Amino acid sequence: FTLTTLCPPMVYGPPEQEVPSLVKLNTSDLYIYDIFNGTSDPRYGVWI
């Protein structure tokens, strides 16, 4: 076989997985929801 590697940075987007609770969102979506919910300020780190 041949190999291909993909190198994504911060990954955001609508969660389509099973979400038992909004506090149990995947980490990157939780970053956005915490702002949307007024529970956190923006968190800086990766810029892409």
All heavy atoms as atom14 arrays in JSON, in Angstrom:
{
  "sequence": "FTLTTLCPPMVYGPPEQEVPSLVKLNTSDLYIYDIFNGTSDPRYGVWI",
  "atom14_mask": [
    [1, 1, 1, 1, 1, 1, 1, 1, 1, 1, 1, 0, 0, 0],
    [1, 1, 1, 1, 1, 1, 1, 0, 0, 0, 0, 0, 0, 0],
    [1, 1, 1, 1, 1, 1, 1, 1, 0, 0, 0, 0, 0, 0],
    [1, 1, 1, 1, 1, 1, 1, 0, 0, 0, 0, 0, 0, 0],
    [1, 1, 1, 1, 1, 1, 1, 0, 0, 0, 0, 0, 0, 0],
    [1, 1, 1, 1, 1, 1, 1, 1, 0, 0, 0, 0, 0, 0],
    [1, 1, 1, 1, 1, 1, 0, 0, 0, 0, 0, 0, 0, 0],
    [1, 1, 1, 1, 1, 1, 1, 0, 0, 0, 0, 0, 0, 0],
    [1, 1, 1, 1, 1, 1, 1, 0, 0, 0, 0, 0, 0, 0],
    [1, 1, 1, 1, 1, 1, 1, 1, 0, 0, 0, 0, 0, 0],
    [1, 1, 1, 1, 1, 1, 1, 0, 0, 0, 0, 0, 0, 0],
    [1, 1, 1, 1, 1, 1, 1, 1, 1, 1, 1, 1, 0, 0],
    [1, 1, 1, 1, 0, 0, 0, 0, 0, 0, 0, 0, 0, 0],
    [1, 1, 1, 1, 1, 1, 1, 0, 0, 0, 0, 0, 0, 0],
    [1, 1, 1, 1, 1, 1, 1, 0, 0, 0, 0, 0, 0, 0],
    [1, 1, 1, 1, 1, 1, 1, 1, 1, 0, 0, 0, 0, 0],
    [1, 1, 1, 1, 1, 1, 1, 1, 1, 0, 0, 0, 0, 0],
    [1, 1, 1, 1, 1, 1, 1, 1, 1, 0, 0, 0, 0, 0],
    [1, 1, 1, 1, 1, 1, 1, 0, 0, 0, 0, 0, 0, 0],
    [1, 1, 1, 1, 1, 1, 1, 0, 0, 0, 0, 0, 0, 0],
    [1, 1, 1, 1, 1, 1, 0, 0, 0, 0, 0, 0, 0, 0],
    [1, 1, 1, 1, 1, 1, 1, 1, 0, 0, 0, 0, 0, 0],
    [1, 1, 1, 1, 1, 1, 1, 0, 0, 0, 0, 0, 0, 0],
    [1, 1, 1, 1, 1, 1, 1, 1, 1, 0, 0, 0, 0, 0],
    [1, 1, 1, 1, 1, 1, 1, 1, 0, 0, 0, 0, 0, 0],
    [1, 1, 1, 1, 1, 1, 1, 1, 0, 0, 0, 0, 0, 0],
    [1, 1, 1, 1, 1, 1, 1, 0, 0, 0, 0, 0, 0, 0],
    [1, 1, 1, 1, 1, 1, 0, 0, 0, 0, 0, 0, 0, 0],
    [1, 1, 1, 1, 1, 1, 1, 1, 0, 0, 0, 0, 0, 0],
    [1, 1, 1, 1, 1, 1, 1, 1, 0, 0, 0, 0, 0, 0],
    [1, 1, 1, 1, 1, 1, 1, 1, 1, 1, 1, 1, 0, 0],
    [1, 1, 1, 1, 1, 1, 1, 1, 0, 0, 0, 0, 0, 0],
    [1, 1, 1, 1, 1, 1, 1, 1, 1, 1, 1, 1, 0, 0],
    [1, 1, 1, 1, 1, 1, 1, 1, 0, 0, 0, 0, 0, 0],
    [1, 1, 1, 1, 1, 1, 1, 1, 0, 0, 0, 0, 0, 0],
    [1, 1, 1, 1, 1, 1, 1, 1, 1, 1, 1, 0, 0, 0],
    [1, 1, 1, 1, 1, 1, 1, 1, 0, 0, 0, 0, 0, 0],
    [1, 1, 1, 1, 0, 0, 0, 0, 0, 0, 0, 0, 0, 0],
    [1, 1, 1, 1, 1, 1, 1, 0, 0, 0, 0, 0, 0, 0],
    [1, 1, 1, 1, 1, 1, 0, 0, 0, 0, 0, 0, 0, 0],
    [1, 1, 1, 1, 1, 1, 1, 1, 0, 0, 0, 0, 0, 0],
    [1, 1, 1, 1, 1, 1, 1, 0, 0, 0, 0, 0, 0, 0],
    [1, 1, 1, 1, 1, 1, 1, 1, 1, 1, 1, 0, 0, 0],
    [1, 1, 1, 1, 1, 1, 1, 1, 1, 1, 1, 1, 0, 0],
    [1, 1, 1, 1, 0, 0, 0, 0, 0, 0, 0, 0, 0, 0],
    [1, 1, 1, 1, 1, 1, 1, 0, 0, 0, 0, 0, 0, 0],
    [1, 1, 1, 1, 1, 1, 1, 1, 1, 1, 1, 1, 1, 1],
    [1, 1, 1, 1, 1, 1, 1, 1, 0, 0, 0, 0, 0, 0]
  ],
  "atom14_positions": [
    [[0.82, -1.2, 0.0], [0.0, 0.0, 0.0], [0.87, 1.26, 0.0], [2.03, 1.24, 0.39], [-0.92, 0.03, 1.23], [-0.21, 0.0, 2.56], [0.33, 1.15, 3.13], [-0.09, -1.19, 3.27], [0.98, 1.12, 4.36], [0.56, -1.23, 4.5], [1.09, -0.07, 5.04], [0.0, 0.0, 0.0], [0.0, 0.0, 0.0], [0.0, 0.0, 0.0]],
    [[0.28, 2.34, -0.46], [0.91, 3.66, -0.36], [0.3, 4.38, 0.82], [-0.8, 4.05, 1.29], [0.71, 4.48, -1.63], [-0.69, 4.6, -1.9], [1.42, 3.84, -2.81], [0.0, 0.0, 0.0], [0.0, 0.0, 0.0], [0.0, 0.0, 0.0], [0.0, 0.0, 0.0], [0.0, 0.0, 0.0], [0.0, 0.0, 0.0], [0.0, 0.0, 0.0]],
    [[1.01, 5.39, 1.31], [0.59, 6.1, 2.52], [0.3, 7.56, 2.2], [0.99, 8.19, 1.38], [1.71, 6.02, 3.57], [1.49, 6.76, 4.89], [0.38, 6.09, 5.69], [2.79, 6.79, 5.69], [0.0, 0.0, 0.0], [0.0, 0.0, 0.0], [0.0, 0.0, 0.0], [0.0, 0.0, 0.0], [0.0, 0.0, 0.0], [0.0, 0.0, 0.0]],
    [[-0.74, 8.08, 2.84], [-1.03, 9.51, 2.79], [-1.3, 9.97, 4.21], [-2.06, 9.31, 4.94], [-2.28, 9.82, 1.94], [-2.1, 9.29, 0.62], [-2.52, 11.32, 1.85], [0.0, 0.0, 0.0], [0.0, 0.0, 0.0], [0.0, 0.0, 0.0], [0.0, 0.0, 0.0], [0.0, 0.0, 0.0], [0.0, 0.0, 0.0], [0.0, 0.0, 0.0]],
    [[-0.65, 11.06, 4.63], [-0.92, 11.59, 5.96], [-1.56, 12.97, 5.84], [-1.19, 13.78, 5.0], [0.36, 11.69, 6.82], [1.3, 12.58, 6.19], [1.0, 10.32, 6.99], [0.0, 0.0, 0.0], [0.0, 0.0, 0.0], [0.0, 0.0, 0.0], [0.0, 0.0, 0.0], [0.0, 0.0, 0.0], [0.0, 0.0, 0.0], [0.0, 0.0, 0.0]],
    [[-2.54, 13.21, 6.71], [-3.25, 14.48, 6.75], [-2.94, 15.16, 8.08], [-3.01, 14.52, 9.14], [-4.76, 14.26, 6.62], [-5.23, 13.45, 5.41], [-6.76, 13.35, 5.41], [-4.73, 14.06, 4.11], [0.0, 0.0, 0.0], [0.0, 0.0, 0.0], [0.0, 0.0, 0.0], [0.0, 0.0, 0.0], [0.0, 0.0, 0.0], [0.0, 0.0, 0.0]],
    [[-2.63, 16.45, 8.02], [-2.22, 17.19, 9.21], [-3.17, 18.36, 9.47], [-2.9, 19.5, 9.06], [-0.79, 17.71, 9.04], [0.44, 16.42, 8.72], [0.0, 0.0, 0.0], [0.0, 0.0, 0.0], [0.0, 0.0, 0.0], [0.0, 0.0, 0.0], [0.0, 0.0, 0.0], [0.0, 0.0, 0.0], [0.0, 0.0, 0.0], [0.0, 0.0, 0.0]],
    [[-4.29, 18.1, 10.14], [-5.23, 19.17, 10.45], [-4.83, 19.91, 11.72], [-4.24, 19.33, 12.62], [-6.54, 18.42, 10.65], [-6.11, 17.11, 11.24], [-4.8, 16.78, 10.56], [0.0, 0.0, 0.0], [0.0, 0.0, 0.0], [0.0, 0.0, 0.0], [0.0, 0.0, 0.0], [0.0, 0.0, 0.0], [0.0, 0.0, 0.0], [0.0, 0.0, 0.0]],
    [[-5.19, 21.21, 11.81], [-4.95, 21.98, 13.03], [-6.18, 21.89, 13.95], [-6.69, 20.79, 14.16], [-4.73, 23.39, 12.48], [-5.6, 23.43, 11.25], [-5.65, 22.03, 10.7], [0.0, 0.0, 0.0], [0.0, 0.0, 0.0], [0.0, 0.0, 0.0], [0.0, 0.0, 0.0], [0.0, 0.0, 0.0], [0.0, 0.0, 0.0], [0.0, 0.0, 0.0]],
    [[-6.66, 23.02, 14.47], [-7.89, 23.01, 15.26], [-9.05, 22.62, 14.35], [-9.22, 23.17, 13.27], [-8.15, 24.38, 15.88], [-7.17, 24.78, 16.95], [-7.11, 23.63, 18.35], [-8.75, 23.79, 19.03], [0.0, 0.0, 0.0], [0.0, 0.0, 0.0], [0.0, 0.0, 0.0], [0.0, 0.0, 0.0], [0.0, 0.0, 0.0], [0.0, 0.0, 0.0]],
    [[-9.85, 21.66, 14.8], [-10.97, 21.15, 14.01], [-12.28, 21.57, 14.67], [-12.55, 21.19, 15.81], [-10.9, 19.62, 13.89], [-12.07, 19.11, 13.02], [-9.57, 19.18, 13.29], [0.0, 0.0, 0.0], [0.0, 0.0, 0.0], [0.0, 0.0, 0.0], [0.0, 0.0, 0.0], [0.0, 0.0, 0.0], [0.0, 0.0, 0.0], [0.0, 0.0, 0.0]],
    [[-13.07, 22.36, 13.96], [-14.35, 22.84, 14.48], [-15.47, 22.42, 13.56], [-15.24, 22.04, 12.4], [-14.34, 24.37, 14.59], [-13.33, 24.93, 15.56], [-12.24, 25.68, 15.11], [-13.47, 24.73, 16.93], [-11.33, 26.22, 16.0], [-12.55, 25.27, 17.83], [-11.48, 26.01, 17.35], [-10.57, 26.53, 18.24], [0.0, 0.0, 0.0], [0.0, 0.0, 0.0]],
    [[-16.69, 22.52, 14.05], [-17.84, 22.21, 13.21], [-18.96, 21.6, 14.01], [-18.79, 21.2, 15.17], [0.0, 0.0, 0.0], [0.0, 0.0, 0.0], [0.0, 0.0, 0.0], [0.0, 0.0, 0.0], [0.0, 0.0, 0.0], [0.0, 0.0, 0.0], [0.0, 0.0, 0.0], [0.0, 0.0, 0.0], [0.0, 0.0, 0.0], [0.0, 0.0, 0.0]],
    [[-20.16, 21.49, 13.41], [-21.33, 20.97, 14.12], [-21.12, 19.53, 14.58], [-20.73, 18.68, 13.77], [-22.45, 21.08, 13.08], [-21.76, 21.14, 11.76], [-20.47, 21.84, 12.0], [0.0, 0.0, 0.0], [0.0, 0.0, 0.0], [0.0, 0.0, 0.0], [0.0, 0.0, 0.0], [0.0, 0.0, 0.0], [0.0, 0.0, 0.0], [0.0, 0.0, 0.0]],
    [[-21.36, 19.25, 15.85], [-21.18, 17.88, 16.36], [-22.32, 16.97, 15.91], [-23.47, 17.19, 16.26], [-21.19, 18.07, 17.89], [-22.04, 19.29, 18.1], [-21.77, 20.18, 16.92], [0.0, 0.0, 0.0], [0.0, 0.0, 0.0], [0.0, 0.0, 0.0], [0.0, 0.0, 0.0], [0.0, 0.0, 0.0], [0.0, 0.0, 0.0], [0.0, 0.0, 0.0]],
    [[-21.99, 15.98, 15.14], [-23.01, 15.03, 14.66], [-22.94, 13.7, 15.4], [-23.76, 12.82, 15.17], [-22.84, 14.81, 13.15], [-23.03, 16.06, 12.3], [-24.39, 16.72, 12.47], [-25.35, 16.02, 12.86], [-24.48, 17.94, 12.23], [0.0, 0.0, 0.0], [0.0, 0.0, 0.0], [0.0, 0.0, 0.0], [0.0, 0.0, 0.0], [0.0, 0.0, 0.0]],
    [[-21.96, 13.58, 16.29], [-21.88, 12.38, 17.1], [-22.94, 12.41, 18.2], [-23.59, 13.42, 18.41], [-20.48, 12.26, 17.73], [-20.19, 13.23, 18.87], [-19.68, 14.58, 18.41], [-19.85, 14.95, 17.26], [-19.07, 15.32, 19.32], [0.0, 0.0, 0.0], [0.0, 0.0, 0.0], [0.0, 0.0, 0.0], [0.0, 0.0, 0.0], [0.0, 0.0, 0.0]],
    [[-23.12, 11.31, 18.89], [-24.03, 11.27, 20.02], [-23.49, 12.2, 21.11], [-22.35, 12.06, 21.54], [-24.15, 9.84, 20.56], [-25.05, 9.71, 21.77], [-26.52, 10.05, 21.46], [-26.93, 9.84, 20.31], [-27.21, 10.5, 22.38], [0.0, 0.0, 0.0], [0.0, 0.0, 0.0], [0.0, 0.0, 0.0], [0.0, 0.0, 0.0], [0.0, 0.0, 0.0]],
    [[-24.32, 13.14, 21.56], [-23.91, 14.09, 22.58], [-24.82, 13.91, 23.8], [-25.95, 14.4, 23.82], [-24.01, 15.55, 22.07], [-23.58, 16.53, 23.17], [-23.15, 15.75, 20.83], [0.0, 0.0, 0.0], [0.0, 0.0, 0.0], [0.0, 0.0, 0.0], [0.0, 0.0, 0.0], [0.0, 0.0, 0.0], [0.0, 0.0, 0.0], [0.0, 0.0, 0.0]],
    [[-24.37, 13.19, 24.82], [-25.2, 12.96, 26.0], [-25.46, 14.24, 26.79], [-26.49, 14.39, 27.44], [-24.4, 11.95, 26.82], [-22.99, 12.16, 26.38], [-23.07, 12.52, 24.94], [0.0, 0.0, 0.0], [0.0, 0.0, 0.0], [0.0, 0.0, 0.0], [0.0, 0.0, 0.0], [0.0, 0.0, 0.0], [0.0, 0.0, 0.0], [0.0, 0.0, 0.0]],
    [[-24.51, 15.17, 26.71], [-24.62, 16.43, 27.43], [-23.69, 17.44, 26.78], [-22.61, 17.09, 26.31], [-24.23, 16.26, 28.9], [-24.07, 17.5, 29.54], [0.0, 0.0, 0.0], [0.0, 0.0, 0.0], [0.0, 0.0, 0.0], [0.0, 0.0, 0.0], [0.0, 0.0, 0.0], [0.0, 0.0, 0.0], [0.0, 0.0, 0.0], [0.0, 0.0, 0.0]],
    [[-24.12, 18.69, 26.74], [-23.28, 19.72, 26.12], [-21.95, 19.9, 26.85], [-20.98, 20.34, 26.24], [-24.05, 21.04, 26.05], [-25.05, 21.13, 24.9], [-26.08, 22.22, 25.14], [-24.34, 21.36, 23.58], [0.0, 0.0, 0.0], [0.0, 0.0, 0.0], [0.0, 0.0, 0.0], [0.0, 0.0, 0.0], [0.0, 0.0, 0.0], [0.0, 0.0, 0.0]],
    [[-21.91, 19.57, 28.12], [-20.64, 19.68, 28.84], [-19.7, 18.55, 28.46], [-18.53, 18.56, 28.85], [-20.86, 19.7, 30.38], [-21.68, 20.91, 30.78], [-21.5, 18.41, 30.86], [0.0, 0.0, 0.0], [0.0, 0.0, 0.0], [0.0, 0.0, 0.0], [0.0, 0.0, 0.0], [0.0, 0.0, 0.0], [0.0, 0.0, 0.0], [0.0, 0.0, 0.0]],
    [[-20.21, 17.57, 27.72], [-19.38, 16.45, 27.29], [-19.09, 16.5, 25.78], [-18.81, 15.47, 25.17], [-20.05, 15.13, 27.66], [-20.13, 14.91, 29.17], [-20.69, 13.55, 29.52], [-20.72, 13.34, 31.03], [-21.26, 12.01, 31.41], [0.0, 0.0, 0.0], [0.0, 0.0, 0.0], [0.0, 0.0, 0.0], [0.0, 0.0, 0.0], [0.0, 0.0, 0.0]],
    [[-19.19, 17.7, 25.23], [-18.8, 17.87, 23.84], [-17.33, 17.55, 23.65], [-16.55, 17.6, 24.61], [-19.05, 19.32, 23.41], [-20.48, 19.74, 23.07], [-20.57, 21.26, 23.03], [-20.92, 19.15, 21.74], [0.0, 0.0, 0.0], [0.0, 0.0, 0.0], [0.0, 0.0, 0.0], [0.0, 0.0, 0.0], [0.0, 0.0, 0.0], [0.0, 0.0, 0.0]],
    [[-16.94, 17.25, 22.43], [-15.51, 17.12, 22.14], [-14.84, 18.46, 22.43], [-15.47, 19.52, 22.4], [-15.29, 16.71, 20.68], [-15.98, 17.64, 19.71], [-17.21, 17.65, 19.65], [-15.22, 18.42, 18.95], [0.0, 0.0, 0.0], [0.0, 0.0, 0.0], [0.0, 0.0, 0.0], [0.0, 0.0, 0.0], [0.0, 0.0, 0.0], [0.0, 0.0, 0.0]],
    [[-13.55, 18.42, 22.72], [-12.84, 19.58, 23.25], [-12.97, 20.83, 22.4], [-13.25, 21.92, 22.91], [-11.35, 19.24, 23.44], [-11.25, 18.13, 24.35], [-10.6, 20.43, 24.04], [0.0, 0.0, 0.0], [0.0, 0.0, 0.0], [0.0, 0.0, 0.0], [0.0, 0.0, 0.0], [0.0, 0.0, 0.0], [0.0, 0.0, 0.0], [0.0, 0.0, 0.0]],
    [[-12.76, 20.71, 21.09], [-12.77, 21.9, 20.25], [-14.16, 22.54, 20.18], [-14.29, 23.77, 20.22], [-12.25, 21.58, 18.84], [-13.01, 20.55, 18.25], [0.0, 0.0, 0.0], [0.0, 0.0, 0.0], [0.0, 0.0, 0.0], [0.0, 0.0, 0.0], [0.0, 0.0, 0.0], [0.0, 0.0, 0.0], [0.0, 0.0, 0.0], [0.0, 0.0, 0.0]],
    [[-15.21, 21.74, 20.1], [-16.55, 22.3, 20.1], [-16.91, 22.89, 21.45], [-17.64, 23.88, 21.54], [-17.58, 21.25, 19.7], [-17.76, 21.15, 18.19], [-17.44, 22.14, 17.5], [-18.21, 20.11, 17.7], [0.0, 0.0, 0.0], [0.0, 0.0, 0.0], [0.0, 0.0, 0.0], [0.0, 0.0, 0.0], [0.0, 0.0, 0.0], [0.0, 0.0, 0.0]],
    [[-16.39, 22.28, 22.51], [-16.65, 22.82, 23.85], [-16.04, 24.2, 24.01], [-16.59, 25.05, 24.72], [-16.1, 21.87, 24.91], [-16.48, 22.18, 26.37], [-18.0, 22.18, 26.54], [-15.84, 21.16, 27.31], [0.0, 0.0, 0.0], [0.0, 0.0, 0.0], [0.0, 0.0, 0.0], [0.0, 0.0, 0.0], [0.0, 0.0, 0.0], [0.0, 0.0, 0.0]],
    [[-14.9, 24.46, 23.35], [-14.32, 25.81, 23.37], [-15.33, 26.84, 22.87], [-15.49, 27.91, 23.46], [-13.07, 25.87, 22.48], [-11.85, 25.18, 23.01], [-10.75, 24.93, 22.19], [-11.76, 24.76, 24.33], [-9.61, 24.29, 22.66], [-10.64, 24.12, 24.82], [-9.56, 23.88, 23.98], [-8.44, 23.26, 24.45], [0.0, 0.0, 0.0], [0.0, 0.0, 0.0]],
    [[-16.0, 26.5, 21.76], [-16.97, 27.44, 21.19], [-18.21, 27.52, 22.07], [-18.73, 28.61, 22.34], [-17.37, 27.01, 19.76], [-16.15, 26.97, 18.84], [-18.42, 27.98, 19.19], [-16.45, 26.5, 17.42], [0.0, 0.0, 0.0], [0.0, 0.0, 0.0], [0.0, 0.0, 0.0], [0.0, 0.0, 0.0], [0.0, 0.0, 0.0], [0.0, 0.0, 0.0]],
    [[-18.69, 26.38, 22.54], [-19.91, 26.4, 23.34], [-19.71, 27.16, 24.66], [-20.62, 27.86, 25.11], [-20.4, 24.98, 23.65], [-21.71, 25.02, 24.41], [-22.89, 25.42, 23.78], [-21.76, 24.7, 25.77], [-24.09, 25.5, 24.48], [-22.95, 24.77, 26.47], [-24.11, 25.18, 25.83], [-25.29, 25.26, 26.52], [0.0, 0.0, 0.0], [0.0, 0.0, 0.0]],
    [[-18.55, 27.05, 25.25], [-18.29, 27.77, 26.5], [-18.4, 29.28, 26.29], [-18.86, 30.01, 27.18], [-16.91, 27.41, 27.05], [-16.9, 26.07, 27.77], [-18.0, 25.54, 28.04], [-15.8, 25.56, 28.07], [0.0, 0.0, 0.0], [0.0, 0.0, 0.0], [0.0, 0.0, 0.0], [0.0, 0.0, 0.0], [0.0, 0.0, 0.0], [0.0, 0.0, 0.0]],
    [[-17.97, 29.75, 25.13], [-18.14, 31.18, 24.8], [-19.62, 31.47, 24.56], [-20.18, 32.44, 25.09], [-17.31, 31.56, 23.57], [-15.82, 31.36, 23.84], [-17.58, 33.02, 23.17], [-14.94, 31.56, 22.6], [0.0, 0.0, 0.0], [0.0, 0.0, 0.0], [0.0, 0.0, 0.0], [0.0, 0.0, 0.0], [0.0, 0.0, 0.0], [0.0, 0.0, 0.0]],
    [[-20.28, 30.64, 23.78], [-21.69, 30.79, 23.45], [-22.56, 30.78, 24.7], [-23.62, 31.42, 24.76], [-22.1, 29.65, 22.51], [-23.44, 29.81, 21.84], [-23.77, 30.96, 21.15], [-24.35, 28.76, 21.86], [-25.0, 31.09, 20.5], [-25.57, 28.88, 21.21], [-25.91, 30.04, 20.54], [0.0, 0.0, 0.0], [0.0, 0.0, 0.0], [0.0, 0.0, 0.0]],
    [[-22.11, 30.06, 25.71], [-22.86, 29.91, 26.97], [-22.42, 30.92, 28.03], [-22.95, 30.92, 29.14], [-22.69, 28.48, 27.51], [-23.77, 28.09, 28.49], [-24.94, 28.45, 28.3], [-23.4, 27.38, 29.53], [0.0, 0.0, 0.0], [0.0, 0.0, 0.0], [0.0, 0.0, 0.0], [0.0, 0.0, 0.0], [0.0, 0.0, 0.0], [0.0, 0.0, 0.0]],
    [[-21.42, 31.73, 27.69], [-20.96, 32.75, 28.62], [-20.17, 32.22, 29.79], [-20.01, 32.9, 30.81], [0.0, 0.0, 0.0], [0.0, 0.0, 0.0], [0.0, 0.0, 0.0], [0.0, 0.0, 0.0], [0.0, 0.0, 0.0], [0.0, 0.0, 0.0], [0.0, 0.0, 0.0], [0.0, 0.0, 0.0], [0.0, 0.0, 0.0], [0.0, 0.0, 0.0]],
    [[-19.64, 31.01, 29.67], [-18.91, 30.4, 30.79], [-17.4, 30.47, 30.64], [-16.67, 30.04, 31.53], [-19.33, 28.93, 30.97], [-19.17, 28.24, 29.71], [-20.78, 28.82, 31.39], [0.0, 0.0, 0.0], [0.0, 0.0, 0.0], [0.0, 0.0, 0.0], [0.0, 0.0, 0.0], [0.0, 0.0, 0.0], [0.0, 0.0, 0.0], [0.0, 0.0, 0.0]],
    [[-16.92, 31.01, 29.52], [-15.49, 31.08, 29.31], [-15.15, 32.17, 28.32], [-15.92, 32.46, 27.4], [-14.94, 29.74, 28.81], [-13.56, 29.83, 28.48], [0.0, 0.0, 0.0], [0.0, 0.0, 0.0], [0.0, 0.0, 0.0], [0.0, 0.0, 0.0], [0.0, 0.0, 0.0], [0.0, 0.0, 0.0], [0.0, 0.0, 0.0], [0.0, 0.0, 0.0]],
    [[-14.0, 32.79, 28.51], [-13.47, 33.72, 27.54], [-12.78, 32.94, 26.43], [-12.5, 31.74, 26.59], [-12.46, 34.67, 28.2], [-13.14, 35.81, 28.94], [-14.28, 36.16, 28.56], [-12.55, 36.34, 29.89], [0.0, 0.0, 0.0], [0.0, 0.0, 0.0], [0.0, 0.0, 0.0], [0.0, 0.0, 0.0], [0.0, 0.0, 0.0], [0.0, 0.0, 0.0]],
    [[-12.47, 33.59, 25.32], [-11.74, 32.9, 24.24], [-10.41, 32.35, 24.71], [-9.75, 32.95, 25.55], [-11.53, 34.02, 23.2], [-12.59, 35.01, 23.48], [-12.8, 34.98, 24.96], [0.0, 0.0, 0.0], [0.0, 0.0, 0.0], [0.0, 0.0, 0.0], [0.0, 0.0, 0.0], [0.0, 0.0, 0.0], [0.0, 0.0, 0.0], [0.0, 0.0, 0.0]],
    [[-10.06, 31.18, 24.18], [-8.79, 30.55, 24.53], [-7.89, 30.58, 23.3], [-8.29, 30.11, 22.23], [-9.02, 29.1, 24.97], [-9.93, 29.0, 26.19], [-10.41, 27.58, 26.4], [-11.4, 27.49, 27.46], [-12.2, 26.45, 27.65], [-12.13, 25.4, 26.84], [-13.08, 26.45, 28.62], [0.0, 0.0, 0.0], [0.0, 0.0, 0.0], [0.0, 0.0, 0.0]],
    [[-6.72, 31.11, 23.47], [-5.81, 31.29, 22.34], [-4.7, 30.23, 22.38], [-4.32, 29.75, 23.44], [-5.2, 32.69, 22.37], [-6.2, 33.78, 22.09], [-7.02, 34.27, 23.1], [-6.35, 34.29, 20.81], [-7.97, 35.27, 22.84], [-7.3, 35.28, 20.53], [-8.1, 35.77, 21.55], [-9.03, 36.73, 21.29], [0.0, 0.0, 0.0], [0.0, 0.0, 0.0]],
    [[-4.2, 29.89, 21.21], [-3.12, 28.9, 21.14], [-2.72, 28.66, 19.7], [-1.77, 29.22, 19.2], [0.0, 0.0, 0.0], [0.0, 0.0, 0.0], [0.0, 0.0, 0.0], [0.0, 0.0, 0.0], [0.0, 0.0, 0.0], [0.0, 0.0, 0.0], [0.0, 0.0, 0.0], [0.0, 0.0, 0.0], [0.0, 0.0, 0.0], [0.0, 0.0, 0.0]],
    [[-3.5, 27.81, 19.01], [-3.26, 27.52, 17.61], [-4.02, 28.55, 16.77], [-5.16, 28.89, 17.08], [-3.72, 26.09, 17.25], [-3.5, 25.79, 15.78], [-2.97, 25.08, 18.13], [0.0, 0.0, 0.0], [0.0, 0.0, 0.0], [0.0, 0.0, 0.0], [0.0, 0.0, 0.0], [0.0, 0.0, 0.0], [0.0, 0.0, 0.0], [0.0, 0.0, 0.0]],
    [[-3.4, 29.02, 15.68], [-3.96, 30.12, 14.91], [-4.53, 29.71, 13.56], [-4.84, 30.56, 12.73], [-2.91, 31.21, 14.71], [-2.45, 31.81, 16.0], [-1.35, 31.46, 16.72], [-3.08, 32.86, 16.73], [-1.25, 32.24, 17.86], [-2.3, 33.11, 17.89], [-4.23, 33.64, 16.52], [-2.63, 34.08, 18.84], [-4.55, 34.61, 17.46], [-3.76, 34.82, 18.6]],
    [[-4.65, 28.43, 13.3], [-5.24, 27.96, 12.04], [-6.27, 26.88, 12.35], [-6.23, 26.24, 13.4], [-4.18, 27.45, 11.05], [-3.4, 26.28, 11.63], [-3.25, 28.57, 10.63], [-2.46, 25.64, 10.64], [0.0, 0.0, 0.0], [0.0, 0.0, 0.0], [0.0, 0.0, 0.0], [0.0, 0.0, 0.0], [0.0, 0.0, 0.0], [0.0, 0.0, 0.0]]
  ]
}
